[in-house]
C-alpha atoms as a PDB file:
ATOM      1  CA  MET A   1      62.213 170.883  63.359  1.00  0.00           C
ATOM      2  CA  ALA A   2      60.445 167.732  64.546  1.00  0.00           C
ATOM      3  CA  LEU A   3      62.564 164.998  66.081  1.00  0.00           C
ATOM      4  CA  GLU A   4      60.978 161.548  65.776  1.00  0.00           C
ATOM      5  CA  ILE A   5      61.196 159.313  68.851  1.00  0.00           C
ATOM      6  CA  LYS A   6      61.160 155.668  67.779  1.00  0.00           C
ATOM      7  CA  VAL A   7      60.583 152.485  69.771  1.00  0.00           C
ATOM      8  CA  PRO A   8      64.070 151.255  70.687  1.00  0.00           C
ATOM      9  CA  SER A   9      65.301 147.711  70.299  1.00  0.00           C
ATOM     10  CA  VAL A  10      65.286 146.000  73.691  1.00  0.00           C
ATOM     11  CA  GLY A  11      66.400 142.507  72.773  1.00  0.00           C
ATOM     12  CA  GLU A  12      66.878 140.178  69.842  1.00  0.00           C
ATOM     13  CA  SER A  13      63.701 138.184  70.423  1.00  0.00           C
ATOM     14  CA  ILE A  14      61.412 141.180  71.027  1.00  0.00           C
ATOM     15  CA  ASN A  15      59.633 142.474  67.907  1.00  0.00           C
ATOM     16  CA  GLU A  16      56.759 144.451  69.401  1.00  0.00           C
ATOM     17  CA  VAL A  17      55.815 146.361  72.531  1.00  0.00           C
ATOM     18  CA  THR A  18      52.691 147.914  74.013  1.00  0.00           C
ATOM     19  CA  LEU A  19      52.560 151.592  74.898  1.00  0.00           C
ATOM     20  CA  VAL A  20      51.249 151.252  78.441  1.00  0.00           C
ATOM     21  CA  LYS A  21      51.075 154.874  79.557  1.00  0.00           C
ATOM     22  CA  TRP A  22      52.038 158.361  78.462  1.00  0.00           C
ATOM     23  CA  LEU A  23      53.797 160.132  81.347  1.00  0.00           C
ATOM     24  CA  LYS A  24      53.794 163.521  79.593  1.00  0.00           C
ATOM     25  CA  ALA A  25      50.725 165.091  77.992  1.00  0.00           C
ATOM     26  CA  ASP A  26      50.402 165.758  74.272  1.00  0.00           C
ATOM     27  CA  GLY A  27      51.551 169.334  73.641  1.00  0.00           C
ATOM     28  CA  ALA A  28      53.579 169.505  76.870  1.00  0.00           C
ATOM     29  CA  TRP A  29      57.039 171.037  77.022  1.00  0.00           C
ATOM     30  CA  VAL A  30      59.651 168.339  77.739  1.00  0.00           C
ATOM     31  CA  GLU A  31      63.297 168.572  78.685  1.00  0.00           C
ATOM     32  CA  ARG A  32      66.087 166.407  77.322  1.00  0.00           C
ATOM     33  CA  ASP A  33      66.204 162.950  78.999  1.00  0.00           C
ATOM     34  CA  GLU A  34      62.769 163.418  80.574  1.00  0.00           C
ATOM     35  CA  VAL A  35      60.726 160.190  80.667  1.00  0.00           C
ATOM     36  CA  LEU A  36      57.899 160.360  78.131  1.00  0.00           C
ATOM     37  CA  ALA A  37      56.142 156.984  78.231  1.00  0.00           C
ATOM     38  CA  GLU A  38      56.194 153.438  79.582  1.00  0.00           C
ATOM     39  CA  LEU A  39      56.441 150.552  77.126  1.00  0.00           C
ATOM     40  CA  GLU A  40      55.966 146.886  77.895  1.00  0.00           C
ATOM     41  CA  SER A  41      57.080 143.750  76.073  1.00  0.00           C
ATOM     42  CA  GLU A  42      56.589 140.083  76.913  1.00  0.00           C
ATOM     43  CA  LYS A  43      59.714 140.188  79.040  1.00  0.00           C
ATOM     44  CA  ALA A  44      60.156 143.698  80.444  1.00  0.00           C
ATOM     45  CA  THR A  45      58.749 147.141  81.087  1.00  0.00           C
ATOM     46  CA  PHE A  46      60.893 150.091  80.058  1.00  0.00           C
ATOM     47  CA  GLU A  47      60.675 153.810  79.326  1.00  0.00           C
ATOM     48  CA  ILE A  48      61.378 156.086  76.400  1.00  0.00           C
ATOM     49  CA  ASN A  49      63.049 159.424  77.049  1.00  0.00           C
ATOM     50  CA  ALA A  50      63.147 162.757  75.250  1.00  0.00           C
ATOM     51  CA  GLU A  51      66.268 163.085  73.112  1.00  0.00           C
ATOM     52  CA  GLN A  52      65.956 166.889  73.003  1.00  0.00           C
ATOM     53  CA  ALA A  53      63.920 169.623  74.677  1.00  0.00           C
ATOM     54  CA  GLY A  54      60.768 170.818  72.921  1.00  0.00           C
ATOM     55  CA  VAL A  55      57.028 170.334  72.567  1.00  0.00           C
ATOM     56  CA  LEU A  56      55.815 166.732  72.633  1.00  0.00           C
ATOM     57  CA  LYS A  57      53.364 165.402  70.039  1.00  0.00           C
ATOM     58  CA  HIS A  58      51.897 161.934  70.630  1.00  0.00           C
ATOM     59  CA  ILE A  59      51.681 159.745  67.546  1.00  0.00           C
ATOM     60  CA  ALA A  60      50.879 156.398  69.183  1.00  0.00           C
ATOM     61  CA  LYS A  61      48.036 156.014  71.663  1.00  0.00           C
ATOM     62  CA  GLU A  62      47.993 154.207  75.005  1.00  0.00           C
ATOM     63  CA  ASN A  63      47.535 150.439  74.583  1.00  0.00           C
ATOM     64  CA  ASP A  64      48.748 150.561  70.954  1.00  0.00           C
ATOM     65  CA  THR A  65      50.984 147.683  69.873  1.00  0.00           C
ATOM     66  CA  LEU A  66      54.126 149.075  68.249  1.00  0.00           C
ATOM     67  CA  LEU A  67      56.884 147.353  66.329  1.00  0.00           C
ATOM     68  CA  ILE A  68      60.523 148.065  67.094  1.00  0.00           C
ATOM     69  CA  GLY A  69      61.452 151.164  65.088  1.00  0.00           C
ATOM     70  CA  ASP A  70      57.894 152.546  64.909  1.00  0.00           C
ATOM     71  CA  ILE A  71      57.503 156.238  65.716  1.00  0.00           C
ATOM     72  CA  ALA A  72      55.920 156.698  69.153  1.00  0.00           C
ATOM     73  CA  CYS A  73      56.008 160.503  69.227  1.00  0.00           C
ATOM     74  CA  SER A  74      57.812 163.552  67.963  1.00  0.00           C
ATOM     75  CA  ILE A  75      59.358 166.579  69.635  1.00  0.00           C
ATOM     76  CA  ASP A  76      59.216 170.019  68.037  1.00  0.00           C
ATOM     77  CA  THR A  77      62.717 171.217  68.866  1.00  0.00           C
ATOM     78  CA  ALA A  78      62.156 174.587  67.154  1.00  0.00           C
ATOM     79  CA  ALA A  79      59.307 175.519  69.498  1.00  0.00           C
ATOM     80  CA  GLU A  80      59.969 178.219  72.046  1.00  0.00           C
ATOM     81  CA  ARG A  81      59.934 177.362  75.718  1.00  0.00           C
ATOM     82  CA  PRO A  82      56.587 178.512  77.185  1.00  0.00           C
ATOM     83  CA  ALA A  83      56.729 181.380  79.654  1.00  0.00           C
ATOM     84  CA  GLY A  84      55.591 179.089  82.493  1.00  0.00           C
ATOM     85  CA  ALA A  85      58.237 176.424  81.820  1.00  0.00           C
ATOM     86  CA  GLU A  86      61.414 176.923  83.786  1.00  0.00           C
ATOM     87  CA  ALA A  87      64.872 176.201  82.439  1.00  0.00           C
ATOM     88  CA  PRO A  88      66.251 172.877  83.659  1.00  0.00           C
ATOM     89  CA  ALA A  89      67.832 173.036  87.089  1.00  0.00           C
ATOM     90  CA  ALA A  90      71.394 171.965  87.671  1.00  0.00           C
ATOM     91  CA  ALA A  91      71.656 168.258  88.318  1.00  0.00           C
ATOM     92  CA  PRO A  92      71.749 167.440  92.034  1.00  0.00           C
ATOM     93  CA  ALA A  93      74.662 165.515  93.451  1.00  0.00           C
ATOM     94  CA  ALA A  94      74.231 161.802  92.872  1.00  0.00           C
ATOM     95  CA  THR A  95      72.838 159.953  95.835  1.00  0.00           C
ATOM     96  CA  LYS A  96      72.745 156.231  96.229  1.00  0.00           C
ATOM     97  CA  GLU A  97      69.174 154.974  96.415  1.00  0.00           C
ATOM     98  CA  ALA A  98      68.569 152.683  99.334  1.00  0.00           C
ATOM     99  CA  ALA A  99      67.563 149.155  98.410  1.00  0.00           C
ATOM    100  CA  PRO A 100      63.943 148.260  99.255  1.00  0.00           C
ATOM    101  CA  ALA A 101      63.261 146.057 102.244  1.00  0.00           C
ATOM    102  CA  CYS A 102      62.501 143.055 100.029  1.00  0.00           C
ATOM    103  CA  TYR A 103      65.819 143.168  98.199  1.00  0.00           C
ATOM    104  CA  SER A 104      66.618 139.480  98.247  1.00  0.00           C
ATOM    105  CA  ARG A 105      66.679 136.439  96.003  1.00  0.00           C
ATOM    106  CA  THR A 106      63.607 135.030  97.735  1.00  0.00           C
ATOM    107  CA  CYS A 107      61.396 138.032  96.906  1.00  0.00           C
ATOM    108  CA  LYS A 108      58.504 137.032  94.642  1.00  0.00           C
ATOM    109  CA  THR A 109      56.898 140.455  94.102  1.00  0.00           C
ATOM    110  CA  CYS A 110      58.496 143.793  93.274  1.00  0.00           C
ATOM    111  CA  CYS A 111      57.972 146.280  96.110  1.00  0.00           C
ATOM    112  CA  ARG A 112      57.652 149.206  93.663  1.00  0.00           C
ATOM    113  CA  CYS A 113      55.274 148.021  90.961  1.00  0.00           C
ATOM    114  CA  LYS A 114      53.929 144.814  92.541  1.00  0.00           C
ATOM    115  CA  SER A 115      54.945 142.867  89.426  1.00  0.00           C
ATOM    116  CA  ASN A 116      55.511 139.170  89.930  1.00  0.00           C
ATOM    117  CA  THR A 117      57.526 138.703  86.724  1.00  0.00           C
ATOM    118  CA  ARG A 118      60.850 139.626  88.372  1.00  0.00           C
ATOM    119  CA  SER A 119      61.798 141.330  85.094  1.00  0.00           C
ATOM    120  CA  CYS A 120      60.264 144.700  85.829  1.00  0.00           C
ATOM    121  CA  GLY A 121      63.672 146.370  85.987  1.00  0.00           C
ATOM    122  CA  HIS A 122      63.379 147.611  89.551  1.00  0.00           C
ATOM    123  CA  HIS A 123      65.599 146.692  92.505  1.00  0.00           C
ATOM    124  CA  CYS A 124      63.753 143.560  93.587  1.00  0.00           C
ATOM    125  CA  ARG A 125      65.636 140.884  91.732  1.00  0.00           C
END
């Protein structure tokens, strides 16, 4: 069975997003909650995750403009796990990520993605 992954709503005033980059290849095996792609709107960059494990099929292409609710990809949940793909490991104990050196209100550029919009969603806010 194919599970459709749709562009989520990220805010009332946002109607469309751009698919910036696929992080998993078309036809790749993906695990539940694995990050599949980066999307960008006028105000933020965010990710879409796999809702189930299975084989990924890209529907949208990089740099496509998608409306909220459009189908970005699908996951074949009935596909068998390839012999080379390992079962998901147990989740490691949660560790608190250290704040970057520029974690302050005076920071103008994100230390992770070098964005100067201050809405990139990383720690530098």
